[in-house]
């Protein structure tokens, strides 16, 4: 009797096992198949990640836009840069600073005791000098060349340089340079500058 019950139980269990296998085959799935996730953040590329942003690209290679060749406005004071032909378009304050630099350069010459200079809008420079007591050769061609060289080391755009050692003209150039600091435009002093220029070149 016990053997009959055991045989019957085995048959039932075997039937259930076979039924389960058949149902799995019919559904087309397997016990080890991994589920497919379609809404995972990694499954599809974000539009922002898939295409490079123009701004992001500029972050890596955009340094060229800040290059001087890109047409950006240069805010530096060109009157302070050698070789910039800086007298053109200067304000009186800028012209006065440039003249002071010219004076300092000329006064570094051992033969020169004092110098007064003034610059106009056409890149012309008037210079009056007083010599050191130990120097007796006067304003010869050698001395003129030394002074012009000193001026052009300050700004090689200052191509027209006239020099005098006349004491009267020294005072007039100094007076005009003092008026420069109070002027609102270089054109206010153009006539007086031109008069002094003609007097020096005509000497």
C-alpha atoms as a PDB file:
ATOM      1  CA  UNK A   1       0.000   0.000   0.000  1.00  0.00           C
ATOM      2  CA  UNK A   2       2.796   2.403   0.927  1.00  0.00           C
ATOM      3  CA  UNK A   3       4.626   1.628  -2.294  1.00  0.00           C
ATOM      4  CA  UNK A   4       1.498   2.442  -4.324  1.00  0.00           C
ATOM      5  CA  UNK A   5       1.167   5.845  -2.617  1.00  0.00           C
ATOM      6  CA  UNK A   6       4.841   6.695  -3.210  1.00  0.00           C
ATOM      7  CA  UNK A   7       4.574   5.716  -6.884  1.00  0.00           C
ATOM      8  CA  UNK A   8       1.455   7.877  -7.262  1.00  0.00           C
ATOM      9  CA  UNK A   9       3.175  10.878  -5.642  1.00  0.00           C
ATOM     10  CA  UNK A  10       6.200  10.486  -7.914  1.00  0.00           C
ATOM     11  CA  UNK A  11       3.953  10.399 -10.973  1.00  0.00           C
ATOM     12  CA  UNK A  12       2.110  13.555  -9.860  1.00  0.00           C
ATOM     13  CA  UNK A  13       5.358  15.421  -9.141  1.00  0.00           C
ATOM     14  CA  UNK A  14       6.869  14.354 -12.429  1.00  0.00           C
ATOM     15  CA  UNK A  15       3.758  15.542 -14.217  1.00  0.00           C
ATOM     16  CA  UNK A  16       3.933  18.917 -12.504  1.00  0.00           C
ATOM     17  CA  UNK A  17       7.607  19.300 -13.406  1.00  0.00           C
ATOM     18  CA  UNK A  18       6.925  18.451 -17.038  1.00  0.00           C
ATOM     19  CA  UNK A  19       4.001  20.885 -17.090  1.00  0.00           C
ATOM     20  CA  UNK A  20       6.222  23.696 -15.794  1.00  0.00           C
ATOM     21  CA  UNK A  21       8.865  23.071 -18.451  1.00  0.00           C
ATOM     22  CA  UNK A  22       6.252  23.052 -21.184  1.00  0.00           C
ATOM     23  CA  UNK A  23       4.793  26.357 -20.044  1.00  0.00           C
ATOM     24  CA  UNK A  24       8.227  28.020 -19.974  1.00  0.00           C
ATOM     25  CA  UNK A  25       8.989  26.848 -23.516  1.00  0.00           C
ATOM     26  CA  UNK A  26       5.649  28.118 -24.705  1.00  0.00           C
ATOM     27  CA  UNK A  27       6.227  31.589 -23.273  1.00  0.00           C
ATOM     28  CA  UNK A  28       9.659  31.845 -24.977  1.00  0.00           C
ATOM     29  CA  UNK A  29      11.439  33.033 -21.820  1.00  0.00           C
ATOM     30  CA  UNK A  30      14.272  31.474 -19.927  1.00  0.00           C
ATOM     31  CA  UNK A  31      15.012  31.530 -16.270  1.00  0.00           C
ATOM     32  CA  UNK A  32      18.392  33.210 -16.833  1.00  0.00           C
ATOM     33  CA  UNK A  33      17.289  35.927 -19.277  1.00  0.00           C
ATOM     34  CA  UNK A  34      18.209  39.422 -17.938  1.00  0.00           C
ATOM     35  CA  UNK A  35      15.451  42.015 -18.030  1.00  0.00           C
ATOM     36  CA  UNK A  36      15.848  44.738 -20.669  1.00  0.00           C
ATOM     37  CA  UNK A  37      15.704  48.227 -19.147  1.00  0.00           C
ATOM     38  CA  UNK A  38      14.703  50.939 -21.596  1.00  0.00           C
ATOM     39  CA  UNK A  39      14.511  53.944 -19.293  1.00  0.00           C
ATOM     40  CA  UNK A  40      17.991  53.682 -17.796  1.00  0.00           C
ATOM     41  CA  UNK A  41      20.018  56.969 -17.900  1.00  0.00           C
ATOM     42  CA  UNK A  42      22.826  55.028 -19.545  1.00  0.00           C
ATOM     43  CA  UNK A  43      20.647  53.381 -22.175  1.00  0.00           C
ATOM     44  CA  UNK A  44      20.129  56.478 -24.300  1.00  0.00           C
ATOM     45  CA  UNK A  45      22.515  59.370 -24.807  1.00  0.00           C
ATOM     46  CA  UNK A  46      21.332  62.749 -23.591  1.00  0.00           C
ATOM     47  CA  UNK A  47      21.043  65.368 -26.384  1.00  0.00           C
ATOM     48  CA  UNK A  48      23.365  67.598 -24.388  1.00  0.00           C
ATOM     49  CA  UNK A  49      25.962  64.810 -24.263  1.00  0.00           C
ATOM     50  CA  UNK A  50      25.416  63.546 -27.789  1.00  0.00           C
ATOM     51  CA  UNK A  51      26.164  66.863 -29.470  1.00  0.00           C
ATOM     52  CA  UNK A  52      28.910  69.237 -28.446  1.00  0.00           C
ATOM     53  CA  UNK A  53      27.686  72.617 -27.294  1.00  0.00           C
ATOM     54  CA  UNK A  54      29.216  75.573 -29.191  1.00  0.00           C
ATOM     55  CA  UNK A  55      29.864  77.243 -25.857  1.00  0.00           C
ATOM     56  CA  UNK A  56      31.533  74.122 -24.499  1.00  0.00           C
ATOM     57  CA  UNK A  57      33.744  73.973 -27.573  1.00  0.00           C
ATOM     58  CA  UNK A  58      34.795  77.541 -27.043  1.00  0.00           C
ATOM     59  CA  UNK A  59      35.719  76.664 -23.493  1.00  0.00           C
ATOM     60  CA  UNK A  60      38.378  74.359 -24.870  1.00  0.00           C
ATOM     61  CA  UNK A  61      39.541  76.236 -27.954  1.00  0.00           C
ATOM     62  CA  UNK A  62      38.093  79.694 -27.583  1.00  0.00           C
ATOM     63  CA  UNK A  63      41.339  81.349 -26.510  1.00  0.00           C
ATOM     64  CA  UNK A  64      41.808  82.600 -30.044  1.00  0.00           C
ATOM     65  CA  UNK A  65      38.911  85.003 -29.584  1.00  0.00           C
ATOM     66  CA  UNK A  66      40.937  86.930 -27.032  1.00  0.00           C
ATOM     67  CA  UNK A  67      43.902  87.193 -29.368  1.00  0.00           C
ATOM     68  CA  UNK A  68      44.956  90.684 -30.509  1.00  0.00           C
ATOM     69  CA  UNK A  69      44.236  89.473 -34.064  1.00  0.00           C
ATOM     70  CA  UNK A  70      40.550  88.967 -33.291  1.00  0.00           C
ATOM     71  CA  UNK A  71      39.714  92.633 -33.533  1.00  0.00           C
ATOM     72  CA  UNK A  72      39.068  93.223 -29.849  1.00  0.00           C
ATOM     73  CA  UNK A  73      39.508  96.754 -28.557  1.00  0.00           C
ATOM     74  CA  UNK A  74      42.918  97.454 -27.131  1.00  0.00           C
ATOM     75  CA  UNK A  75      42.525  99.567 -24.016  1.00  0.00           C
ATOM     76  CA  UNK A  76      46.227 100.172 -23.380  1.00  0.00           C
ATOM     77  CA  UNK A  77      47.642 103.660 -23.626  1.00  0.00           C
ATOM     78  CA  UNK A  78      49.599 103.537 -26.897  1.00  0.00           C
ATOM     79  CA  UNK A  79      51.335 106.783 -26.089  1.00  0.00           C
ATOM     80  CA  UNK A  80      53.441 104.859 -23.598  1.00  0.00           C
ATOM     81  CA  UNK A  81      54.628 102.245 -26.101  1.00  0.00           C
ATOM     82  CA  UNK A  82      57.847 102.766 -28.089  1.00  0.00           C
ATOM     83  CA  UNK A  83      57.413 102.677 -31.833  1.00  0.00           C
ATOM     84  CA  UNK A  84      53.699 103.405 -31.774  1.00  0.00           C
ATOM     85  CA  UNK A  85      53.836 106.824 -33.498  1.00  0.00           C
ATOM     86  CA  UNK A  86      52.067 107.854 -30.345  1.00  0.00           C
ATOM     87  CA  UNK A  87      51.703 111.611 -30.951  1.00  0.00           C
ATOM     88  CA  UNK A  88      48.843 111.060 -33.390  1.00  0.00           C
ATOM     89  CA  UNK A  89      45.492 111.490 -31.670  1.00  0.00           C
ATOM     90  CA  UNK A  90      46.949 112.221 -28.229  1.00  0.00           C
ATOM     91  CA  UNK A  91      45.316 114.265 -25.534  1.00  0.00           C
ATOM     92  CA  UNK A  92      47.306 117.151 -23.996  1.00  0.00           C
ATOM     93  CA  UNK A  93      47.879 115.050 -20.865  1.00  0.00           C
ATOM     94  CA  UNK A  94      49.333 112.203 -22.938  1.00  0.00           C
ATOM     95  CA  UNK A  95      51.502 114.617 -24.926  1.00  0.00           C
ATOM     96  CA  UNK A  96      52.769 116.137 -21.679  1.00  0.00           C
ATOM     97  CA  UNK A  97      53.715 112.688 -20.285  1.00  0.00           C
ATOM     98  CA  UNK A  98      55.525 111.817 -23.499  1.00  0.00           C
ATOM     99  CA  UNK A  99      57.405 115.131 -23.438  1.00  0.00           C
ATOM    100  CA  UNK A 100      58.487 114.447 -19.845  1.00  0.00           C
ATOM    101  CA  UNK A 101      59.891 111.072 -20.889  1.00  0.00           C
ATOM    102  CA  UNK A 102      61.773 112.769 -23.733  1.00  0.00           C
ATOM    103  CA  UNK A 103      63.211 115.331 -21.304  1.00  0.00           C
ATOM    104  CA  UNK A 104      64.357 112.587 -18.928  1.00  0.00           C
ATOM    105  CA  UNK A 105      66.063 110.694 -21.756  1.00  0.00           C
ATOM    106  CA  UNK A 106      67.895 113.787 -23.013  1.00  0.00           C
ATOM    107  CA  UNK A 107      68.973 114.817 -19.525  1.00  0.00           C
ATOM    108  CA  UNK A 108      70.626 111.423 -19.048  1.00  0.00           C
ATOM    109  CA  UNK A 109      73.279 112.562 -21.531  1.00  0.00           C
ATOM    110  CA  UNK A 110      76.271 113.677 -19.468  1.00  0.00           C
ATOM    111  CA  UNK A 111      76.674 116.885 -21.497  1.00  0.00           C
ATOM    112  CA  UNK A 112      73.081 118.050 -20.817  1.00  0.00           C
ATOM    113  CA  UNK A 113      72.197 119.820 -17.580  1.00  0.00           C
ATOM    114  CA  UNK A 114      68.523 120.508 -18.328  1.00  0.00           C
ATOM    115  CA  UNK A 115      66.027 119.996 -21.158  1.00  0.00           C
ATOM    116  CA  UNK A 116      62.554 121.218 -22.018  1.00  0.00           C
ATOM    117  CA  UNK A 117      60.448 119.426 -24.639  1.00  0.00           C
ATOM    118  CA  UNK A 118      57.024 119.692 -26.216  1.00  0.00           C
ATOM    119  CA  UNK A 119      55.293 117.283 -28.624  1.00  0.00           C
ATOM    120  CA  UNK A 120      52.575 118.158 -31.141  1.00  0.00           C
ATOM    121  CA  UNK A 121      49.935 116.034 -32.895  1.00  0.00           C
ATOM    122  CA  UNK A 122      52.118 115.577 -36.005  1.00  0.00           C
ATOM    123  CA  UNK A 123      54.803 113.647 -34.101  1.00  0.00           C
ATOM    124  CA  UNK A 124      57.089 116.677 -34.033  1.00  0.00           C
ATOM    125  CA  UNK A 125      59.257 117.456 -31.015  1.00  0.00           C
ATOM    126  CA  UNK A 126      60.790 120.766 -29.968  1.00  0.00           C
ATOM    127  CA  UNK A 127      63.662 120.505 -27.494  1.00  0.00           C
ATOM    128  CA  UNK A 128      65.593 123.266 -25.768  1.00  0.00           C
ATOM    129  CA  UNK A 129      68.708 122.304 -23.845  1.00  0.00           C
ATOM    130  CA  UNK A 130      71.091 123.805 -21.338  1.00  0.00           C
ATOM    131  CA  UNK A 131      74.563 122.286 -21.296  1.00  0.00           C
ATOM    132  CA  UNK A 132      76.638 121.226 -18.347  1.00  0.00           C
ATOM    133  CA  UNK A 133      79.276 123.791 -17.354  1.00  0.00           C
ATOM    134  CA  UNK A 134      82.031 121.290 -18.183  1.00  0.00           C
ATOM    135  CA  UNK A 135      80.834 120.948 -21.789  1.00  0.00           C
ATOM    136  CA  UNK A 136      82.037 123.591 -24.226  1.00  0.00           C
ATOM    137  CA  UNK A 137      81.491 122.201 -27.745  1.00  0.00           C
ATOM    138  CA  UNK A 138      77.920 123.539 -27.987  1.00  0.00           C
ATOM    139  CA  UNK A 139      75.127 122.202 -30.159  1.00  0.00           C
ATOM    140  CA  UNK A 140      77.185 120.635 -32.909  1.00  0.00           C
ATOM    141  CA  UNK A 141      76.041 117.886 -35.285  1.00  0.00           C
ATOM    142  CA  UNK A 142      77.372 115.148 -33.018  1.00  0.00           C
ATOM    143  CA  UNK A 143      75.367 116.487 -30.088  1.00  0.00           C
ATOM    144  CA  UNK A 144      72.219 116.824 -32.208  1.00  0.00           C
ATOM    145  CA  UNK A 145      72.551 113.205 -33.324  1.00  0.00           C
ATOM    146  CA  UNK A 146      72.948 112.056 -29.712  1.00  0.00           C
ATOM    147  CA  UNK A 147      69.817 113.957 -28.660  1.00  0.00           C
ATOM    148  CA  UNK A 148      67.742 112.634 -31.584  1.00  0.00           C
ATOM    149  CA  UNK A 149      68.883 109.081 -30.781  1.00  0.00           C
ATOM    150  CA  UNK A 150      67.816 109.536 -27.148  1.00  0.00           C
ATOM    151  CA  UNK A 151      64.398 110.820 -28.264  1.00  0.00           C
ATOM    152  CA  UNK A 152      63.789 107.917 -30.626  1.00  0.00           C
ATOM    153  CA  UNK A 153      64.670 105.403 -27.918  1.00  0.00           C
ATOM    154  CA  UNK A 154      61.646 106.783 -26.095  1.00  0.00           C
ATOM    155  CA  UNK A 155      59.411 106.556 -29.178  1.00  0.00           C
ATOM    156  CA  UNK A 156      60.750 105.901 -32.665  1.00  0.00           C
ATOM    157  CA  UNK A 157      57.546 107.380 -34.091  1.00  0.00           C
ATOM    158  CA  UNK A 158      58.885 110.830 -33.146  1.00  0.00           C
ATOM    159  CA  UNK A 159      60.699 111.366 -36.422  1.00  0.00           C
ATOM    160  CA  UNK A 160      60.841 115.181 -36.602  1.00  0.00           C
ATOM    161  CA  UNK A 161      63.036 116.606 -33.848  1.00  0.00           C
ATOM    162  CA  UNK A 162      64.264 120.192 -33.670  1.00  0.00           C
ATOM    163  CA  UNK A 163      66.758 121.270 -31.012  1.00  0.00           C
ATOM    164  CA  UNK A 164      67.916 124.647 -29.761  1.00  0.00           C
ATOM    165  CA  UNK A 165      70.280 125.900 -27.079  1.00  0.00           C
ATOM    166  CA  UNK A 166      69.026 129.477 -27.343  1.00  0.00           C
ATOM    167  CA  UNK A 167      68.129 130.716 -23.862  1.00  0.00           C
ATOM    168  CA  UNK A 168      65.170 132.816 -25.064  1.00  0.00           C
ATOM    169  CA  UNK A 169      63.635 129.914 -26.970  1.00  0.00           C
ATOM    170  CA  UNK A 170      64.308 127.682 -23.960  1.00  0.00           C
ATOM    171  CA  UNK A 171      62.040 129.892 -21.872  1.00  0.00           C
ATOM    172  CA  UNK A 172      59.337 130.009 -24.552  1.00  0.00           C
ATOM    173  CA  UNK A 173      59.310 126.233 -24.994  1.00  0.00           C
ATOM    174  CA  UNK A 174      59.090 125.805 -21.220  1.00  0.00           C
ATOM    175  CA  UNK A 175      56.186 128.249 -21.073  1.00  0.00           C
ATOM    176  CA  UNK A 176      54.339 126.449 -23.886  1.00  0.00           C
ATOM    177  CA  UNK A 177      54.907 123.107 -22.149  1.00  0.00           C
ATOM    178  CA  UNK A 178      53.321 124.502 -18.987  1.00  0.00           C
ATOM    179  CA  UNK A 179      50.286 125.658 -20.980  1.00  0.00           C
ATOM    180  CA  UNK A 180      50.001 122.130 -22.369  1.00  0.00           C
ATOM    181  CA  UNK A 181      48.927 120.832 -18.962  1.00  0.00           C
ATOM    182  CA  UNK A 182      45.916 123.176 -18.946  1.00  0.00           C
ATOM    183  CA  UNK A 183      44.833 122.757 -22.575  1.00  0.00           C
ATOM    184  CA  UNK A 184      41.783 120.733 -23.586  1.00  0.00           C
ATOM    185  CA  UNK A 185      43.176 119.866 -27.021  1.00  0.00           C
ATOM    186  CA  UNK A 186      46.512 120.040 -28.843  1.00  0.00           C
ATOM    187  CA  UNK A 187      44.966 122.246 -31.512  1.00  0.00           C
ATOM    188  CA  UNK A 188      44.817 125.088 -28.955  1.00  0.00           C
ATOM    189  CA  UNK A 189      48.615 125.268 -29.016  1.00  0.00           C
ATOM    190  CA  UNK A 190      49.158 124.494 -32.695  1.00  0.00           C
ATOM    191  CA  UNK A 191      49.813 128.062 -33.806  1.00  0.00           C
ATOM    192  CA  UNK A 192      52.309 128.791 -31.024  1.00  0.00           C
ATOM    193  CA  UNK A 193      54.039 125.472 -31.602  1.00  0.00           C
ATOM    194  CA  UNK A 194      54.285 126.188 -35.328  1.00  0.00           C
ATOM    195  CA  UNK A 195      55.735 129.639 -34.655  1.00  0.00           C
ATOM    196  CA  UNK A 196      58.448 128.221 -32.405  1.00  0.00           C
ATOM    197  CA  UNK A 197      59.146 125.437 -34.908  1.00  0.00           C
ATOM    198  CA  UNK A 198      59.661 127.948 -37.734  1.00  0.00           C
ATOM    199  CA  UNK A 199      61.920 130.130 -35.598  1.00  0.00           C
ATOM    200  CA  UNK A 200      64.156 127.198 -34.694  1.00  0.00           C
ATOM    201  CA  UNK A 201      64.318 125.717 -38.186  1.00  0.00           C
ATOM    202  CA  UNK A 202      64.998 129.164 -39.654  1.00  0.00           C
ATOM    203  CA  UNK A 203      67.951 129.830 -37.388  1.00  0.00           C
END
